[in-house]
C-alpha atoms as a PDB file:
ATOM      1  CA  MET A   1      64.061 -99.666-110.624  1.00  0.00           C
ATOM      2  CA  GLN A   2      62.008 -99.312-107.443  1.00  0.00           C
ATOM      3  CA  THR A   3      59.306 -96.694-106.872  1.00  0.00           C
ATOM      4  CA  ASP A   4      56.983 -95.501-104.139  1.00  0.00           C
ATOM      5  CA  PRO A   5      53.587 -97.161-104.723  1.00  0.00           C
ATOM      6  CA  ARG A   6      51.712 -94.207-103.238  1.00  0.00           C
ATOM      7  CA  GLY A   7      52.671 -92.048-106.220  1.00  0.00           C
ATOM      8  CA  SER A   8      51.218 -94.475-108.735  1.00  0.00           C
ATOM      9  CA  ARG A   9      48.013 -94.854-106.694  1.00  0.00           C
ATOM     10  CA  LEU A  10      47.537 -91.094-106.510  1.00  0.00           C
ATOM     11  CA  ALA A  11      48.210 -90.828-110.243  1.00  0.00           C
ATOM     12  CA  ALA A  12      45.604 -93.560-110.811  1.00  0.00           C
ATOM     13  CA  ALA A  13      43.122 -91.516-108.774  1.00  0.00           C
ATOM     14  CA  LEU A  14      43.760 -88.454-110.953  1.00  0.00           C
ATOM     15  CA  THR A  15      43.446 -90.614-114.061  1.00  0.00           C
ATOM     16  CA  SER A  16      40.130 -91.963-112.739  1.00  0.00           C
ATOM     17  CA  ILE A  17      38.801 -88.425-112.401  1.00  0.00           C
ATOM     18  CA  VAL A  18      39.853 -87.576-115.971  1.00  0.00           C
ATOM     19  CA  LEU A  19      38.258 -90.748-117.325  1.00  0.00           C
ATOM     20  CA  ALA A  20      35.028 -90.103-115.407  1.00  0.00           C
ATOM     21  CA  VAL A  21      34.881 -86.640-116.980  1.00  0.00           C
ATOM     22  CA  VAL A  22      35.450 -88.212-120.408  1.00  0.00           C
ATOM     23  CA  LEU A  23      32.601 -90.668-119.870  1.00  0.00           C
ATOM     24  CA  ARG A  24      30.300 -87.865-118.717  1.00  0.00           C
ATOM     25  CA  THR A  25      31.149 -85.480-121.573  1.00  0.00           C
ATOM     26  CA  GLY A  26      32.363 -87.719-124.418  1.00  0.00           C
ATOM     27  CA  ASN A  27      35.396 -85.443-124.797  1.00  0.00           C
ATOM     28  CA  CYS A  28      37.600 -87.120-127.426  1.00  0.00           C
ATOM     29  CA  PRO A  29      40.583 -84.710-127.149  1.00  0.00           C
ATOM     30  CA  LEU A  30      40.732 -85.216-123.376  1.00  0.00           C
ATOM     31  CA  LEU A  31      40.732 -89.005-123.814  1.00  0.00           C
ATOM     32  CA  ALA A  32      43.413 -88.748-126.507  1.00  0.00           C
ATOM     33  CA  THR A  33      45.509 -86.614-124.135  1.00  0.00           C
ATOM     34  CA  GLN A  34      45.096 -89.267-121.440  1.00  0.00           C
ATOM     35  CA  ALA A  35      46.234 -91.914-123.934  1.00  0.00           C
ATOM     36  CA  LEU A  36      49.319 -89.815-124.699  1.00  0.00           C
ATOM     37  CA  LEU A  37      50.110 -89.354-121.000  1.00  0.00           C
ATOM     38  CA  SER A  38      49.748 -93.090-120.429  1.00  0.00           C
ATOM     39  CA  ALA A  39      52.045 -93.755-123.377  1.00  0.00           C
ATOM     40  CA  LEU A  40      54.668 -91.512-121.791  1.00  0.00           C
ATOM     41  CA  GLY A  41      54.415 -93.569-118.607  1.00  0.00           C
ATOM     42  CA  ALA A  42      54.500 -96.882-120.438  1.00  0.00           C
ATOM     43  CA  PHE A  43      57.380 -96.184-122.799  1.00  0.00           C
ATOM     44  CA  GLY A  44      59.277 -93.380-121.089  1.00  0.00           C
ATOM     45  CA  GLY A  45      59.039 -94.713-117.565  1.00  0.00           C
ATOM     46  CA  LEU A  46      57.298 -93.401-114.508  1.00  0.00           C
ATOM     47  CA  ARG A  47      59.803 -90.567-114.176  1.00  0.00           C
ATOM     48  CA  VAL A  48      58.264 -88.872-117.232  1.00  0.00           C
ATOM     49  CA  ALA A  49      54.621 -89.805-116.549  1.00  0.00           C
ATOM     50  CA  LEU A  50      53.048 -86.431-115.791  1.00  0.00           C
ATOM     51  CA  CYS A  51      50.669 -87.462-112.986  1.00  0.00           C
ATOM     52  CA  VAL A  52      53.243 -89.668-111.261  1.00  0.00           C
ATOM     53  CA  ARG A  53      55.877 -86.953-111.578  1.00  0.00           C
ATOM     54  CA  LEU A  54      53.533 -84.336-110.083  1.00  0.00           C
ATOM     55  CA  CYS A  55      52.838 -86.663-107.165  1.00  0.00           C
ATOM     56  CA  GLN A  56      56.553 -87.295-106.652  1.00  0.00           C
ATOM     57  CA  VAL A  57      57.365 -83.587-106.627  1.00  0.00           C
ATOM     58  CA  LEU A  58      54.354 -82.071-104.847  1.00  0.00           C
ATOM     59  CA  VAL A  59      52.889 -84.738-102.556  1.00  0.00           C
ATOM     60  CA  LEU A  60      55.371 -87.470-101.657  1.00  0.00           C
ATOM     61  CA  PRO A  61      58.022 -85.148-100.133  1.00  0.00           C
ATOM     62  CA  ARG A  62      55.407 -84.083 -97.569  1.00  0.00           C
ATOM     63  CA  LEU A  63      54.747 -87.680 -96.479  1.00  0.00           C
ATOM     64  CA  ALA A  64      56.800 -90.065 -94.403  1.00  0.00           C
ATOM     65  CA  PRO A  65      59.140 -92.355 -96.348  1.00  0.00           C
ATOM     66  CA  PRO A  66      57.388 -95.397 -97.827  1.00  0.00           C
ATOM     67  CA  SER A  67      57.334 -98.587 -95.782  1.00  0.00           C
ATOM     68  CA  ALA A  68      57.997-100.558 -98.980  1.00  0.00           C
ATOM     69  CA  THR A  69      58.754 -99.901-102.603  1.00  0.00           C
ATOM     70  CA  GLU A  70      57.739-101.825-105.692  1.00  0.00           C
ATOM     71  CA  ASP A  71      59.167-102.662-109.078  1.00  0.00           C
ATOM     72  CA  GLU A  72      58.442-100.035-111.726  1.00  0.00           C
ATOM     73  CA  ARG A  73      58.060-102.486-114.633  1.00  0.00           C
ATOM     74  CA  PRO A  74      54.572-103.803-113.728  1.00  0.00           C
ATOM     75  CA  LEU A  75      53.401-100.219-113.219  1.00  0.00           C
ATOM     76  CA  ARG A  76      54.680 -99.337-116.677  1.00  0.00           C
ATOM     77  CA  LEU A  77      52.714-102.276-118.071  1.00  0.00           C
ATOM     78  CA  ASP A  78      49.665-100.926-116.262  1.00  0.00           C
ATOM     79  CA  GLN A  79      50.227 -97.595-118.027  1.00  0.00           C
ATOM     80  CA  GLY A  80      50.404 -99.521-121.310  1.00  0.00           C
ATOM     81  CA  VAL A  81      47.048-101.172-120.625  1.00  0.00           C
ATOM     82  CA  LEU A  82      45.544 -97.749-119.884  1.00  0.00           C
ATOM     83  CA  MET A  83      47.118 -96.375-123.062  1.00  0.00           C
ATOM     84  CA  VAL A  84      45.528 -99.104-125.204  1.00  0.00           C
ATOM     85  CA  PHE A  85      42.054 -98.642-123.718  1.00  0.00           C
ATOM     86  CA  ALA A  86      42.264 -94.841-123.914  1.00  0.00           C
ATOM     87  CA  SER A  87      43.524 -94.971-127.514  1.00  0.00           C
ATOM     88  CA  VAL A  88      40.718 -97.285-128.592  1.00  0.00           C
ATOM     89  CA  GLY A  89      38.234 -95.057-126.768  1.00  0.00           C
ATOM     90  CA  ALA A  90      39.560 -91.926-128.464  1.00  0.00           C
ATOM     91  CA  LEU A  91      39.347 -93.707-131.808  1.00  0.00           C
ATOM     92  CA  GLY A  92      35.750 -94.657-131.048  1.00  0.00           C
ATOM     93  CA  TYR A  93      34.719 -91.153-130.030  1.00  0.00           C
ATOM     94  CA  GLY A  94      36.696 -89.622-132.904  1.00  0.00           C
ATOM     95  CA  THR A  95      35.026 -91.800-135.534  1.00  0.00           C
ATOM     96  CA  GLU A  96      31.597 -91.360-133.928  1.00  0.00           C
ATOM     97  CA  VAL A  97      31.398 -95.012-132.883  1.00  0.00           C
ATOM     98  CA  VAL A  98      30.275 -93.833-129.475  1.00  0.00           C
ATOM     99  CA  TRP A  99      29.621 -97.297-128.037  1.00  0.00           C
ATOM    100  CA  LEU A 100      33.280 -98.210-128.652  1.00  0.00           C
ATOM    101  CA  GLY A 101      34.455 -95.002-126.996  1.00  0.00           C
ATOM    102  CA  VAL A 102      32.235 -95.598-123.974  1.00  0.00           C
ATOM    103  CA  LEU A 103      33.250 -99.247-123.664  1.00  0.00           C
ATOM    104  CA  ALA A 104      36.995 -98.588-123.916  1.00  0.00           C
ATOM    105  CA  ALA A 105      36.897 -95.531-121.637  1.00  0.00           C
ATOM    106  CA  SER A 106      34.908 -97.566-119.103  1.00  0.00           C
ATOM    107  CA  ALA A 107      37.529-100.322-119.201  1.00  0.00           C
ATOM    108  CA  ALA A 108      40.292 -97.741-118.685  1.00  0.00           C
ATOM    109  CA  LEU A 109      38.355 -96.207-115.797  1.00  0.00           C
ATOM    110  CA  THR A 110      37.980 -99.639-114.221  1.00  0.00           C
ATOM    111  CA  VAL A 111      41.736-100.304-114.448  1.00  0.00           C
ATOM    112  CA  ALA A 112      42.621 -96.898-112.981  1.00  0.00           C
ATOM    113  CA  PHE A 113      39.956 -96.896-110.260  1.00  0.00           C
ATOM    114  CA  VAL A 114      40.759-100.400-109.004  1.00  0.00           C
ATOM    115  CA  HIS A 115      44.421 -99.405-108.746  1.00  0.00           C
ATOM    116  CA  ALA A 116      43.629 -96.155-106.950  1.00  0.00           C
ATOM    117  CA  ALA A 117      40.998 -97.479-104.554  1.00  0.00           C
ATOM    118  CA  PHE A 118      42.228-100.977-103.778  1.00  0.00           C
ATOM    119  CA  GLY A 119      45.888-101.017-104.821  1.00  0.00           C
ATOM    120  CA  TYR A 120      45.161-103.790-107.340  1.00  0.00           C
ATOM    121  CA  CYS A 121      47.444-103.131-110.294  1.00  0.00           C
ATOM    122  CA  VAL A 122      46.434-104.935-113.484  1.00  0.00           C
ATOM    123  CA  GLY A 123      50.004-104.579-114.743  1.00  0.00           C
ATOM    124  CA  SER A 124      51.311-106.409-111.667  1.00  0.00           C
ATOM    125  CA  GLU A 125      49.048-109.331-112.472  1.00  0.00           C
ATOM    126  CA  LEU A 126      49.879-109.379-116.184  1.00  0.00           C
ATOM    127  CA  TYR A 127      53.633-108.802-115.826  1.00  0.00           C
ATOM    128  CA  PRO A 128      54.581-112.385-114.788  1.00  0.00           C
ATOM    129  CA  LEU A 129      52.510-113.754-117.674  1.00  0.00           C
ATOM    130  CA  VAL A 130      54.235-111.445-120.153  1.00  0.00           C
ATOM    131  CA  ARG A 131      57.684-112.384-118.807  1.00  0.00           C
ATOM    132  CA  ARG A 132      56.843-116.096-119.055  1.00  0.00           C
ATOM    133  CA  ALA A 133      55.625-115.652-122.628  1.00  0.00           C
ATOM    134  CA  GLN A 134      58.819-113.759-123.508  1.00  0.00           C
ATOM    135  CA  GLY A 135      60.878-116.630-122.092  1.00  0.00           C
ATOM    136  CA  ARG A 136      59.022-119.120-124.229  1.00  0.00           C
ATOM    137  CA  LEU A 137      59.525-117.001-127.333  1.00  0.00           C
ATOM    138  CA  THR A 138      63.278-116.693-126.797  1.00  0.00           C
ATOM    139  CA  ALA A 139      63.618-120.392-125.919  1.00  0.00           C
ATOM    140  CA  GLY A 140      61.796-121.385-129.113  1.00  0.00           C
ATOM    141  CA  ALA A 141      63.860-119.136-131.382  1.00  0.00           C
END
């Protein structure tokens, strides 16, 4: 499935703002909510990811059609990476291991900010490696 990359970049910008607020306040429920939203994007697809969906409904119709589209699967992997970091961060804040919460939330912020600001999607870089590893697993079985 193909998607407009501008929607995922705008969603990454919104995610960056949420994660910056989490780092400033140490708000565990907000980080857990972000982990849940990222899980929806990773496992349910970008059509159910709240931030991406808001961008698709409210912003993208007002813009010119995209000059290019991109595969949704690496973006879903990117959401999975965010979900893992946000989950670990929420676990850290929730169990009062604050350094773990700060470290994981900072890693999630880095992933989201780099995608929003520079268009560098961590999932796009990891996706070929994951596919290659899956091929090796099925060939060895």
